[in-house]
Amino acid sequence: MSNELAKVLRRFEERLAHLESGVHAPPAYWKRFHLHNALGALKDDHSAADLHLDEFDRAELAREFPELEADRVPTVEELRSRFDMIAGGML
């Protein structure tokens, strides 16, 4: 087993244990969703599984590193403003 695969397996197990511990009671749907996708990709493509685990960790990373502004989801008002600028005179 490669070192990279072993790291992804350990990382997956840590996230699963975190959900099982009840810290998220009930576990957030999206956390289970990303863990499910990671498990599906684990057998054939551990790099893809690692990306799903990144998505699982995204909220914690955003709190730890607020400079990740590019990953911030815009508000509805920001979406409307941006759409109006793009659509401009097309409509």
N, C-alpha and C. Protein backbone atom coordinates (compact mmCIF):
# COMPACT_ATOMS: atom_id res chain seq x y z
N MET A 1 0.86 -1.18 0.00
CA MET A 1 0.00 0.00 0.00
C MET A 1 0.90 1.23 0.00
N SER A 2 0.59 2.17 -0.88
CA SER A 2 1.39 3.38 -0.97
C SER A 2 1.17 4.26 0.26
N ASN A 3 2.13 5.13 0.52
CA ASN A 3 2.00 6.06 1.64
C ASN A 3 0.82 6.99 1.46
N GLU A 4 0.59 7.42 0.22
CA GLU A 4 -0.52 8.33 -0.06
C GLU A 4 -1.87 7.67 0.22
N LEU A 5 -2.02 6.42 -0.19
CA LEU A 5 -3.25 5.70 0.08
C LEU A 5 -3.44 5.50 1.58
N ALA A 6 -2.37 5.16 2.27
CA ALA A 6 -2.45 4.98 3.72
C ALA A 6 -2.88 6.27 4.41
N LYS A 7 -2.37 7.42 3.94
CA LYS A 7 -2.76 8.70 4.53
C LYS A 7 -4.24 8.99 4.30
N VAL A 8 -4.73 8.69 3.10
CA VAL A 8 -6.14 8.92 2.80
C VAL A 8 -7.01 7.99 3.65
N LEU A 9 -6.59 6.73 3.82
CA LEU A 9 -7.35 5.80 4.64
C LEU A 9 -7.43 6.28 6.09
N ARG A 10 -6.30 6.74 6.63
CA ARG A 10 -6.29 7.26 8.01
C ARG A 10 -7.17 8.50 8.11
N ARG A 11 -7.07 9.36 7.13
CA ARG A 11 -7.88 10.59 7.13
C ARG A 11 -9.37 10.26 7.08
N PHE A 12 -9.75 9.29 6.24
CA PHE A 12 -11.14 8.88 6.15
C PHE A 12 -11.60 8.33 7.49
N GLU A 13 -10.80 7.47 8.08
CA GLU A 13 -11.17 6.86 9.36
C GLU A 13 -11.34 7.91 10.45
N GLU A 14 -10.49 8.93 10.46
CA GLU A 14 -10.62 10.02 11.45
C GLU A 14 -11.94 10.76 11.26
N ARG A 15 -12.31 11.06 10.02
CA ARG A 15 -13.55 11.79 9.75
C ARG A 15 -14.77 10.94 10.13
N LEU A 16 -14.71 9.65 9.82
CA LEU A 16 -15.80 8.76 10.16
C LEU A 16 -15.95 8.65 11.68
N ALA A 17 -14.84 8.52 12.39
CA ALA A 17 -14.88 8.45 13.84
C ALA A 17 -15.46 9.74 14.42
N HIS A 18 -15.13 10.86 13.81
CA HIS A 18 -15.66 12.15 14.24
C HIS A 18 -17.18 12.18 14.14
N LEU A 19 -17.70 11.68 13.02
CA LEU A 19 -19.16 11.63 12.85
C LEU A 19 -19.79 10.64 13.82
N GLU A 20 -19.14 9.50 14.01
CA GLU A 20 -19.67 8.48 14.92
C GLU A 20 -19.68 8.94 16.37
N SER A 21 -18.78 9.85 16.71
CA SER A 21 -18.67 10.31 18.09
C SER A 21 -19.87 11.15 18.52
N GLY A 22 -20.64 11.61 17.55
CA GLY A 22 -21.81 12.40 17.87
C GLY A 22 -21.54 13.87 18.04
N VAL A 23 -20.34 14.32 17.67
CA VAL A 23 -20.02 15.75 17.73
C VAL A 23 -21.02 16.53 16.90
N HIS A 24 -21.38 15.97 15.76
CA HIS A 24 -22.42 16.55 14.92
C HIS A 24 -23.68 15.73 15.17
N ALA A 25 -24.54 16.22 16.02
CA ALA A 25 -25.73 15.44 16.35
C ALA A 25 -26.96 16.13 15.81
N PRO A 26 -27.65 15.65 14.84
CA PRO A 26 -27.24 14.57 13.96
C PRO A 26 -26.17 15.06 12.98
N PRO A 27 -25.40 14.13 12.40
CA PRO A 27 -24.36 14.56 11.45
C PRO A 27 -24.99 15.35 10.30
N ALA A 28 -24.32 16.41 9.94
CA ALA A 28 -24.79 17.24 8.84
C ALA A 28 -24.86 16.40 7.57
N TYR A 29 -25.93 16.61 6.84
CA TYR A 29 -26.14 15.87 5.60
C TYR A 29 -24.93 15.96 4.69
N TRP A 30 -24.40 17.16 4.50
CA TRP A 30 -23.32 17.34 3.55
C TRP A 30 -22.04 16.65 4.01
N LYS A 31 -21.83 16.52 5.32
CA LYS A 31 -20.65 15.80 5.80
C LYS A 31 -20.78 14.31 5.45
N ARG A 32 -21.97 13.76 5.66
CA ARG A 32 -22.20 12.36 5.30
C ARG A 32 -22.09 12.18 3.79
N PHE A 33 -22.58 13.15 3.04
CA PHE A 33 -22.53 13.10 1.58
C PHE A 33 -21.08 13.03 1.09
N HIS A 34 -20.22 13.91 1.62
CA HIS A 34 -18.82 13.92 1.17
C HIS A 34 -18.09 12.66 1.63
N LEU A 35 -18.42 12.17 2.82
CA LEU A 35 -17.80 10.93 3.29
C LEU A 35 -18.25 9.76 2.41
N HIS A 36 -19.51 9.74 2.03
CA HIS A 36 -20.03 8.70 1.14
C HIS A 36 -19.30 8.75 -0.21
N ASN A 37 -19.14 9.95 -0.76
CA ASN A 37 -18.44 10.08 -2.05
C ASN A 37 -16.98 9.67 -1.93
N ALA A 38 -16.34 10.01 -0.81
CA ALA A 38 -14.95 9.62 -0.60
C ALA A 38 -14.84 8.10 -0.53
N LEU A 39 -15.77 7.47 0.16
CA LEU A 39 -15.74 6.01 0.26
C LEU A 39 -15.93 5.37 -1.12
N GLY A 40 -16.81 5.93 -1.92
CA GLY A 40 -17.03 5.41 -3.27
C GLY A 40 -15.80 5.52 -4.15
N ALA A 41 -15.03 6.58 -3.97
CA ALA A 41 -13.84 6.80 -4.80
C ALA A 41 -12.60 6.11 -4.24
N LEU A 42 -12.64 5.73 -2.99
CA LEU A 42 -11.46 5.21 -2.30
C LEU A 42 -10.84 4.00 -2.98
N LYS A 43 -11.67 3.09 -3.43
CA LYS A 43 -11.17 1.83 -4.00
C LYS A 43 -10.40 2.05 -5.30
N ASP A 44 -10.90 2.95 -6.14
CA ASP A 44 -10.32 3.11 -7.47
C ASP A 44 -9.41 4.32 -7.62
N ASP A 45 -9.65 5.35 -6.84
CA ASP A 45 -8.91 6.61 -7.04
C ASP A 45 -8.77 7.34 -5.72
N HIS A 46 -7.68 7.04 -5.00
CA HIS A 46 -7.53 7.65 -3.68
C HIS A 46 -7.32 9.16 -3.76
N SER A 47 -6.88 9.68 -4.89
CA SER A 47 -6.74 11.13 -5.04
C SER A 47 -8.12 11.80 -5.05
N ALA A 48 -9.07 11.18 -5.74
CA ALA A 48 -10.44 11.72 -5.76
C ALA A 48 -11.06 11.61 -4.36
N ALA A 49 -10.78 10.53 -3.67
CA ALA A 49 -11.29 10.38 -2.29
C ALA A 49 -10.72 11.48 -1.41
N ASP A 50 -9.46 11.81 -1.60
CA ASP A 50 -8.83 12.87 -0.82
C ASP A 50 -9.50 14.22 -1.09
N LEU A 51 -9.91 14.47 -2.33
CA LEU A 51 -10.61 15.71 -2.66
C LEU A 51 -11.97 15.77 -1.96
N HIS A 52 -12.66 14.64 -1.88
CA HIS A 52 -13.94 14.62 -1.16
C HIS A 52 -13.73 14.88 0.33
N LEU A 53 -12.63 14.39 0.87
CA LEU A 53 -12.32 14.66 2.28
C LEU A 53 -11.98 16.14 2.47
N ASP A 54 -11.37 16.76 1.47
CA ASP A 54 -11.14 18.21 1.52
C ASP A 54 -12.46 18.96 1.63
N GLU A 55 -13.44 18.52 0.86
CA GLU A 55 -14.77 19.14 0.93
C GLU A 55 -15.40 18.93 2.30
N PHE A 56 -15.18 17.77 2.88
CA PHE A 56 -15.68 17.47 4.22
C PHE A 56 -15.11 18.48 5.22
N ASP A 57 -13.83 18.83 5.04
CA ASP A 57 -13.13 19.72 5.98
C ASP A 57 -13.29 21.20 5.66
N ARG A 58 -13.95 21.55 4.59
CA ARG A 58 -13.98 22.94 4.11
C ARG A 58 -14.45 23.94 5.16
N ALA A 59 -15.49 23.65 5.91
CA ALA A 59 -16.02 24.60 6.89
C ALA A 59 -15.00 24.87 7.99
N GLU A 60 -14.34 23.82 8.46
CA GLU A 60 -13.32 24.02 9.50
C GLU A 60 -12.14 24.82 8.96
N LEU A 61 -11.77 24.55 7.72
CA LEU A 61 -10.66 25.30 7.12
C LEU A 61 -11.01 26.77 6.95
N ALA A 62 -12.24 27.05 6.60
CA ALA A 62 -12.66 28.44 6.41
C ALA A 62 -12.59 29.21 7.74
N ARG A 63 -12.93 28.54 8.83
CA ARG A 63 -12.82 29.21 10.14
C ARG A 63 -11.36 29.43 10.50
N GLU A 64 -10.52 28.45 10.18
CA GLU A 64 -9.10 28.53 10.53
C GLU A 64 -8.33 29.50 9.63
N PHE A 65 -8.74 29.56 8.35
CA PHE A 65 -8.04 30.39 7.38
C PHE A 65 -9.05 31.30 6.66
N PRO A 66 -9.44 32.41 7.29
CA PRO A 66 -10.45 33.28 6.66
C PRO A 66 -9.99 33.88 5.34
N GLU A 67 -8.71 33.82 5.06
CA GLU A 67 -8.21 34.37 3.80
C GLU A 67 -8.63 33.53 2.60
N LEU A 68 -9.27 32.41 2.83
CA LEU A 68 -9.77 31.59 1.73
C LEU A 68 -11.06 32.17 1.18
N GLU A 69 -11.06 33.45 0.97
CA GLU A 69 -12.24 34.19 0.52
C GLU A 69 -12.80 33.65 -0.78
N ALA A 70 -11.95 33.09 -1.63
CA ALA A 70 -12.42 32.58 -2.92
C ALA A 70 -13.42 31.44 -2.74
N ASP A 71 -13.32 30.74 -1.63
CA ASP A 71 -14.22 29.62 -1.37
C ASP A 71 -15.49 30.03 -0.65
N ARG A 72 -15.62 31.31 -0.32
CA ARG A 72 -16.80 31.78 0.40
C ARG A 72 -18.00 31.78 -0.55
N VAL A 73 -19.10 31.28 -0.06
CA VAL A 73 -20.32 31.26 -0.86
C VAL A 73 -20.95 32.65 -0.79
N PRO A 74 -21.26 33.26 -1.94
CA PRO A 74 -21.82 34.61 -1.93
C PRO A 74 -23.26 34.63 -1.41
N THR A 75 -23.66 35.79 -0.93
CA THR A 75 -25.05 35.97 -0.49
C THR A 75 -25.96 36.05 -1.71
N VAL A 76 -27.25 35.96 -1.48
CA VAL A 76 -28.22 36.07 -2.58
C VAL A 76 -28.10 37.46 -3.22
N GLU A 77 -27.91 38.48 -2.40
CA GLU A 77 -27.78 39.85 -2.92
C GLU A 77 -26.54 39.98 -3.80
N GLU A 78 -25.44 39.35 -3.38
CA GLU A 78 -24.22 39.39 -4.19
C GLU A 78 -24.43 38.64 -5.52
N LEU A 79 -25.13 37.52 -5.45
CA LEU A 79 -25.43 36.79 -6.69
C LEU A 79 -26.28 37.63 -7.63
N ARG A 80 -27.30 38.32 -7.10
CA ARG A 80 -28.18 39.17 -7.92
C ARG A 80 -27.37 40.29 -8.56
N SER A 81 -26.53 40.94 -7.77
CA SER A 81 -25.73 42.05 -8.27
C SER A 81 -24.80 41.58 -9.39
N ARG A 82 -24.15 40.48 -9.18
CA ARG A 82 -23.23 39.96 -10.19
C ARG A 82 -23.98 39.55 -11.46
N PHE A 83 -25.14 38.90 -11.29
CA PHE A 83 -25.94 38.50 -12.44
C PHE A 83 -26.38 39.72 -13.23
N ASP A 84 -26.85 40.75 -12.52
CA ASP A 84 -27.30 41.97 -13.20
C ASP A 84 -26.17 42.62 -14.00
N MET A 85 -24.95 42.58 -13.45
CA MET A 85 -23.80 43.15 -14.17
C MET A 85 -23.51 42.33 -15.42
N ILE A 86 -23.56 41.02 -15.32
CA ILE A 86 -23.25 40.14 -16.47
C ILE A 86 -24.36 40.22 -17.51
N ALA A 87 -25.60 40.10 -17.06
CA ALA A 87 -26.73 40.08 -17.99
C ALA A 87 -26.97 41.45 -18.60
N GLY A 88 -26.65 42.49 -17.83
CA GLY A 88 -26.77 43.87 -18.29
C GLY A 88 -27.90 44.11 -19.27
N GLY A 89 -27.54 44.39 -20.49
CA GLY A 89 -28.54 44.72 -21.50
C GLY A 89 -29.02 43.52 -22.31
N MET A 90 -28.61 42.31 -21.92
CA MET A 90 -29.01 41.12 -22.69
C MET A 90 -30.48 40.81 -22.51
N LEU A 91 -31.05 41.16 -21.38
CA LEU A 91 -32.46 40.81 -21.13
C LEU A 91 -33.37 41.94 -21.52
